[in-house]
């Protein structure tokens, strides 16, 4: 993998790096910005909305950027000996950002909500540190709780025994 990366870097030394900067900026602005704005502020967000925003914005950038003077038509272009530039912009972001937003809106109005309960999904406890559920109390009288065969009364007796085994210091009170 690193040998391929080094080979591609060496091959790209003669290229104009300006094109890669414009493409990276336009990709981030055209696909990620609408997805972020829709996920924060659009109540009718659907999976189709996000998919169309991300894929459509990225595809729009890649197709339109191929027809700019950064790729062809100028001596400083990526392909200076060819001229198929019909879009007179260095960056396609002014065109592709509204297209990303429009595709997201179109995806949200044509798609149905992700689940039948409504449009908002709350994902509590699904992050990198999910909360653990507490064990249900033993209501069947079997002497077991959900953690194993230990008796339900044993933890209460152990906590009282450990509290009485602690020496008390004069002048200091412990809760």
Foldseek 3Di string as FASTA:
>chain_A
DVVVVVVVVVVCPPAQCLLVVLLVVQLCLQQVVLLVCCVVPPQLQAPQLNVQLNVVLNVVQVVLSCQEVQQEDDPNHRHDVDHRRPDDDNHCNVPRNVVSNVRSVVRSVPDDAPDPPGNDDDDAQPDPGRDDDDWDDDPVPPQDTPPDNHGPCVVVVVVVVVVVPDDDDPPDDDD
